[in-house]
Amino acid sequence: MAVPKRKVSKARRDKRRGQVWKLEAPALSRCTNCGELKAPHRVCSNCGYYKGREVISHEEA
């Protein structure tokens, strides 16, 4: 069985482990109807449109 010749320093160990757990910013796209930022492949929460069709009707208050 392979045995390491030298101790791996904490800095080297943590540099390697740090690359795995990076957080990513959520992907956003513009609504084709109103231009508001929304999650891709989701109904726009501002106007209720998805792919140019009204899916959820919003009454103006």
PDB file of N, CA and C in Angstrom:
ATOM      1  N   MET A   1       0.843  -1.185   0.000  1.00  0.00           N
ATOM      2  CA  MET A   1       0.000   0.000   0.000  1.00  0.00           C
ATOM      3  C   MET A   1       0.885   1.245   0.000  1.00  0.00           C
ATOM      4  N   ALA A   2       0.464   2.268  -0.742  1.00  0.00           N
ATOM      5  CA  ALA A   2       1.265   3.484  -0.854  1.00  0.00           C
ATOM      6  C   ALA A   2       1.201   4.292   0.432  1.00  0.00           C
ATOM      7  N   VAL A   3       2.367   4.818   0.825  1.00  0.00           N
ATOM      8  CA  VAL A   3       2.469   5.636   2.034  1.00  0.00           C
ATOM      9  C   VAL A   3       3.116   6.963   1.632  1.00  0.00           C
ATOM     10  N   PRO A   4       2.571   8.113   2.072  1.00  0.00           N
ATOM     11  CA  PRO A   4       3.180   9.394   1.711  1.00  0.00           C
ATOM     12  C   PRO A   4       4.570   9.545   2.313  1.00  0.00           C
ATOM     13  N   LYS A   5       5.501  10.115   1.534  1.00  0.00           N
ATOM     14  CA  LYS A   5       6.864  10.296   2.030  1.00  0.00           C
ATOM     15  C   LYS A   5       6.945  11.436   3.032  1.00  0.00           C
ATOM     16  N   ARG A   6       6.115  12.505   2.812  1.00  0.00           N
ATOM     17  CA  ARG A   6       6.149  13.661   3.706  1.00  0.00           C
ATOM     18  C   ARG A   6       4.736  14.053   4.098  1.00  0.00           C
ATOM     19  N   LYS A   7       4.660  14.770   5.223  1.00  0.00           N
ATOM     20  CA  LYS A   7       3.375  15.296   5.688  1.00  0.00           C
ATOM     21  C   LYS A   7       2.898  16.389   4.728  1.00  0.00           C
ATOM     22  N   VAL A   8       1.623  16.379   4.380  1.00  0.00           N
ATOM     23  CA  VAL A   8       1.043  17.431   3.553  1.00  0.00           C
ATOM     24  C   VAL A   8       0.705  18.593   4.473  1.00  0.00           C
ATOM     25  N   SER A   9       1.243  19.770   4.151  1.00  0.00           N
ATOM     26  CA  SER A   9       1.023  20.940   5.011  1.00  0.00           C
ATOM     27  C   SER A   9      -0.455  21.348   5.000  1.00  0.00           C
ATOM     28  N   LYS A  10      -0.841  22.084   6.035  1.00  0.00           N
ATOM     29  CA  LYS A  10      -2.238  22.528   6.139  1.00  0.00           C
ATOM     30  C   LYS A  10      -2.601  23.447   4.984  1.00  0.00           C
ATOM     31  N   ALA A  11      -1.659  24.302   4.579  1.00  0.00           N
ATOM     32  CA  ALA A  11      -1.926  25.231   3.484  1.00  0.00           C
ATOM     33  C   ALA A  11      -2.179  24.477   2.180  1.00  0.00           C
ATOM     34  N   ARG A  12      -1.359  23.485   1.878  1.00  0.00           N
ATOM     35  CA  ARG A  12      -1.509  22.711   0.648  1.00  0.00           C
ATOM     36  C   ARG A  12      -2.807  21.898   0.685  1.00  0.00           C
ATOM     37  N   ARG A  13      -3.106  21.315   1.832  1.00  0.00           N
ATOM     38  CA  ARG A  13      -4.329  20.528   1.994  1.00  0.00           C
ATOM     39  C   ARG A  13      -5.567  21.410   1.807  1.00  0.00           C
ATOM     40  N   ASP A  14      -5.553  22.602   2.449  1.00  0.00           N
ATOM     41  CA  ASP A  14      -6.711  23.476   2.399  1.00  0.00           C
ATOM     42  C   ASP A  14      -6.891  24.120   1.023  1.00  0.00           C
ATOM     43  N   LYS A  15      -5.793  24.367   0.299  1.00  0.00           N
ATOM     44  CA  LYS A  15      -5.888  24.890  -1.055  1.00  0.00           C
ATOM     45  C   LYS A  15      -6.613  23.892  -1.949  1.00  0.00           C
ATOM     46  N   ARG A  16      -6.300  22.638  -1.804  1.00  0.00           N
ATOM     47  CA  ARG A  16      -6.917  21.593  -2.612  1.00  0.00           C
ATOM     48  C   ARG A  16      -8.402  21.444  -2.265  1.00  0.00           C
ATOM     49  N   ARG A  17      -8.719  21.468  -0.997  1.00  0.00           N
ATOM     50  CA  ARG A  17     -10.109  21.282  -0.560  1.00  0.00           C
ATOM     51  C   ARG A  17     -10.973  22.506  -0.822  1.00  0.00           C
ATOM     52  N   GLY A  18     -10.377  23.676  -0.878  1.00  0.00           N
ATOM     53  CA  GLY A  18     -11.132  24.910  -1.040  1.00  0.00           C
ATOM     54  C   GLY A  18     -11.793  25.057  -2.395  1.00  0.00           C
ATOM     55  N   GLN A  19     -11.292  24.378  -3.411  1.00  0.00           N
ATOM     56  CA  GLN A  19     -11.836  24.509  -4.756  1.00  0.00           C
ATOM     57  C   GLN A  19     -13.174  23.800  -4.907  1.00  0.00           C
ATOM     58  N   VAL A  20     -13.455  22.822  -4.065  1.00  0.00           N
ATOM     59  CA  VAL A  20     -14.653  22.001  -4.214  1.00  0.00           C
ATOM     60  C   VAL A  20     -15.893  22.715  -3.713  1.00  0.00           C
ATOM     61  N   TRP A  21     -15.763  23.515  -2.661  1.00  0.00           N
ATOM     62  CA  TRP A  21     -16.926  24.043  -1.959  1.00  0.00           C
ATOM     63  C   TRP A  21     -17.265  25.487  -2.327  1.00  0.00           C
ATOM     64  N   LYS A  22     -16.841  25.961  -3.494  1.00  0.00           N
ATOM     65  CA  LYS A  22     -17.130  27.339  -3.886  1.00  0.00           C
ATOM     66  C   LYS A  22     -18.615  27.501  -4.189  1.00  0.00           C
ATOM     67  N   LEU A  23     -19.182  28.623  -3.762  1.00  0.00           N
ATOM     68  CA  LEU A  23     -20.578  28.933  -4.056  1.00  0.00           C
ATOM     69  C   LEU A  23     -20.663  29.612  -5.416  1.00  0.00           C
ATOM     70  N   GLU A  24     -21.722  29.321  -6.140  1.00  0.00           N
ATOM     71  CA  GLU A  24     -21.938  29.941  -7.438  1.00  0.00           C
ATOM     72  C   GLU A  24     -23.133  30.875  -7.360  1.00  0.00           C
ATOM     73  N   ALA A  25     -23.051  31.960  -8.080  1.00  0.00           N
ATOM     74  CA  ALA A  25     -24.173  32.895  -8.130  1.00  0.00           C
ATOM     75  C   ALA A  25     -25.313  32.253  -8.911  1.00  0.00           C
ATOM     76  N   PRO A  26     -26.562  32.487  -8.501  1.00  0.00           N
ATOM     77  CA  PRO A  26     -27.679  31.883  -9.231  1.00  0.00           C
ATOM     78  C   PRO A  26     -27.784  32.459 -10.646  1.00  0.00           C
ATOM     79  N   ALA A  27     -28.139  31.602 -11.587  1.00  0.00           N
ATOM     80  CA  ALA A  27     -28.283  32.033 -12.973  1.00  0.00           C
ATOM     81  C   ALA A  27     -29.563  32.841 -13.111  1.00  0.00           C
ATOM     82  N   LEU A  28     -29.483  33.968 -13.802  1.00  0.00           N
ATOM     83  CA  LEU A  28     -30.647  34.819 -14.019  1.00  0.00           C
ATOM     84  C   LEU A  28     -30.758  35.148 -15.497  1.00  0.00           C
ATOM     85  N   SER A  29     -31.994  35.297 -15.959  1.00  0.00           N
ATOM     86  CA  SER A  29     -32.233  35.724 -17.335  1.00  0.00           C
ATOM     87  C   SER A  29     -33.312  36.795 -17.327  1.00  0.00           C
ATOM     88  N   ARG A  30     -33.403  37.548 -18.405  1.00  0.00           N
ATOM     89  CA  ARG A  30     -34.393  38.622 -18.496  1.00  0.00           C
ATOM     90  C   ARG A  30     -35.711  38.063 -19.026  1.00  0.00           C
ATOM     91  N   CYS A  31     -36.798  38.567 -18.487  1.00  0.00           N
ATOM     92  CA  CYS A  31     -38.135  38.213 -18.969  1.00  0.00           C
ATOM     93  C   CYS A  31     -38.324  38.857 -20.334  1.00  0.00           C
ATOM     94  N   THR A  32     -38.856  38.088 -21.295  1.00  0.00           N
ATOM     95  CA  THR A  32     -39.048  38.631 -22.648  1.00  0.00           C
ATOM     96  C   THR A  32     -40.197  39.622 -22.697  1.00  0.00           C
ATOM     97  N   ASN A  33     -41.104  39.560 -21.727  1.00  0.00           N
ATOM     98  CA  ASN A  33     -42.270  40.447 -21.725  1.00  0.00           C
ATOM     99  C   ASN A  33     -41.979  41.775 -21.020  1.00  0.00           C
ATOM    100  N   CYS A  34     -41.477  41.705 -19.770  1.00  0.00           N
ATOM    101  CA  CYS A  34     -41.312  42.942 -18.988  1.00  0.00           C
ATOM    102  C   CYS A  34     -39.844  43.320 -18.757  1.00  0.00           C
ATOM    103  N   GLY A  35     -38.892  42.404 -19.006  1.00  0.00           N
ATOM    104  CA  GLY A  35     -37.474  42.723 -18.854  1.00  0.00           C
ATOM    105  C   GLY A  35     -36.952  42.546 -17.442  1.00  0.00           C
ATOM    106  N   GLU A  36     -37.779  42.045 -16.541  1.00  0.00           N
ATOM    107  CA  GLU A  36     -37.370  41.822 -15.147  1.00  0.00           C
ATOM    108  C   GLU A  36     -36.454  40.593 -15.077  1.00  0.00           C
ATOM    109  N   LEU A  37     -35.503  40.597 -14.133  1.00  0.00           N
ATOM    110  CA  LEU A  37     -34.640  39.429 -13.943  1.00  0.00           C
ATOM    111  C   LEU A  37     -35.433  38.302 -13.295  1.00  0.00           C
ATOM    112  N   LYS A  38     -35.239  37.070 -13.807  1.00  0.00           N
ATOM    113  CA  LYS A  38     -35.941  35.905 -13.276  1.00  0.00           C
ATOM    114  C   LYS A  38     -35.061  34.679 -13.444  1.00  0.00           C
ATOM    115  N   ALA A  39     -35.415  33.592 -12.777  1.00  0.00           N
ATOM    116  CA  ALA A  39     -34.692  32.331 -12.935  1.00  0.00           C
ATOM    117  C   ALA A  39     -35.046  31.734 -14.294  1.00  0.00           C
ATOM    118  N   PRO A  40     -34.076  31.138 -14.990  1.00  0.00           N
ATOM    119  CA  PRO A  40     -34.384  30.567 -16.306  1.00  0.00           C
ATOM    120  C   PRO A  40     -35.359  29.393 -16.191  1.00  0.00           C
ATOM    121  N   HIS A  41     -36.199  29.223 -17.199  1.00  0.00           N
ATOM    122  CA  HIS A  41     -37.202  28.151 -17.273  1.00  0.00           C
ATOM    123  C   HIS A  41     -38.234  28.243 -16.152  1.00  0.00           C
ATOM    124  N   ARG A  42     -38.517  29.458 -15.709  1.00  0.00           N
ATOM    125  CA  ARG A  42     -39.520  29.682 -14.667  1.00  0.00           C
ATOM    126  C   ARG A  42     -40.459  30.803 -15.128  1.00  0.00           C
ATOM    127  N   VAL A  43     -41.671  30.806 -14.586  1.00  0.00           N
ATOM    128  CA  VAL A  43     -42.626  31.874 -14.872  1.00  0.00           C
ATOM    129  C   VAL A  43     -42.120  33.153 -14.199  1.00  0.00           C
ATOM    130  N   CYS A  44     -42.250  34.275 -14.890  1.00  0.00           N
ATOM    131  CA  CYS A  44     -41.828  35.556 -14.328  1.00  0.00           C
ATOM    132  C   CYS A  44     -42.755  35.913 -13.174  1.00  0.00           C
ATOM    133  N   SER A  45     -42.177  36.215 -12.025  1.00  0.00           N
ATOM    134  CA  SER A  45     -42.992  36.551 -10.857  1.00  0.00           C
ATOM    135  C   SER A  45     -43.559  37.959 -10.948  1.00  0.00           C
ATOM    136  N   ASN A  46     -42.998  38.781 -11.829  1.00  0.00           N
ATOM    137  CA  ASN A  46     -43.464  40.157 -11.967  1.00  0.00           C
ATOM    138  C   ASN A  46     -44.712  40.247 -12.845  1.00  0.00           C
ATOM    139  N   CYS A  47     -44.690  39.607 -14.022  1.00  0.00           N
ATOM    140  CA  CYS A  47     -45.808  39.747 -14.959  1.00  0.00           C
ATOM    141  C   CYS A  47     -46.580  38.452 -15.189  1.00  0.00           C
ATOM    142  N   GLY A  48     -46.011  37.293 -14.820  1.00  0.00           N
ATOM    143  CA  GLY A  48     -46.720  36.023 -14.974  1.00  0.00           C
ATOM    144  C   GLY A  48     -46.588  35.397 -16.348  1.00  0.00           C
ATOM    145  N   TYR A  49     -45.672  35.884 -17.174  1.00  0.00           N
ATOM    146  CA  TYR A  49     -45.492  35.341 -18.521  1.00  0.00           C
ATOM    147  C   TYR A  49     -44.373  34.309 -18.548  1.00  0.00           C
ATOM    148  N   TYR A  50     -44.501  33.322 -19.469  1.00  0.00           N
ATOM    149  CA  TYR A  50     -43.452  32.337 -19.718  1.00  0.00           C
ATOM    150  C   TYR A  50     -43.466  32.016 -21.200  1.00  0.00           C
ATOM    151  N   LYS A  51     -42.350  32.183 -21.876  1.00  0.00           N
ATOM    152  CA  LYS A  51     -42.201  31.960 -23.323  1.00  0.00           C
ATOM    153  C   LYS A  51     -43.232  32.741 -24.137  1.00  0.00           C
ATOM    154  N   GLY A  52     -43.493  33.987 -23.734  1.00  0.00           N
ATOM    155  CA  GLY A  52     -44.381  34.844 -24.495  1.00  0.00           C
ATOM    156  C   GLY A  52     -45.868  34.611 -24.243  1.00  0.00           C
ATOM    157  N   ARG A  53     -46.210  33.676 -23.377  1.00  0.00           N
ATOM    158  CA  ARG A  53     -47.622  33.422 -23.070  1.00  0.00           C
ATOM    159  C   ARG A  53     -47.899  33.788 -21.620  1.00  0.00           C
ATOM    160  N   GLU A  54     -49.120  34.251 -21.330  1.00  0.00           N
ATOM    161  CA  GLU A  54     -49.502  34.554 -19.963  1.00  0.00           C
ATOM    162  C   GLU A  54     -49.911  33.251 -19.282  1.00  0.00           C
ATOM    163  N   VAL A  55     -49.184  32.866 -18.247  1.00  0.00           N
ATOM    164  CA  VAL A  55     -49.439  31.620 -17.535  1.00  0.00           C
ATOM    165  C   VAL A  55     -50.208  31.917 -16.240  1.00  0.00           C
ATOM    166  N   ILE A  56     -49.804  32.954 -15.540  1.00  0.00           N
ATOM    167  CA  ILE A  56     -50.462  33.361 -14.296  1.00  0.00           C
ATOM    168  C   ILE A  56     -51.011  34.762 -14.518  1.00  0.00           C
ATOM    169  N   SER A  57     -52.317  34.933 -14.292  1.00  0.00           N
ATOM    170  CA  SER A  57     -52.888  36.266 -14.487  1.00  0.00           C
ATOM    171  C   SER A  57     -52.699  37.091 -13.225  1.00  0.00           C
ATOM    172  N   HIS A  58     -52.239  38.334 -13.427  1.00  0.00           N
ATOM    173  CA  HIS A  58     -52.029  39.268 -12.322  1.00  0.00           C
ATOM    174  C   HIS A  58     -53.024  40.406 -12.473  1.00  0.00           C
ATOM    175  N   GLU A  59     -53.851  40.625 -11.479  1.00  0.00           N
ATOM    176  CA  GLU A  59     -54.763  41.757 -11.489  1.00  0.00           C
ATOM    177  C   GLU A  59     -54.019  42.976 -10.961  1.00  0.00           C
ATOM    178  N   GLU A  60     -54.199  44.119 -11.646  1.00  0.00           N
ATOM    179  CA  GLU A  60     -53.571  45.339 -11.188  1.00  0.00           C
ATOM    180  C   GLU A  60     -54.327  45.869  -9.968  1.00  0.00           C
ATOM    181  N   ALA A  61     -53.612  46.194  -8.904  1.00  0.00           N
ATOM    182  CA  ALA A  61     -54.270  46.663  -7.686  1.00  0.00           C
ATOM    183  C   ALA A  61     -54.328  48.168  -7.631  1.00  0.00           C
TER     184      ALA A  61
END
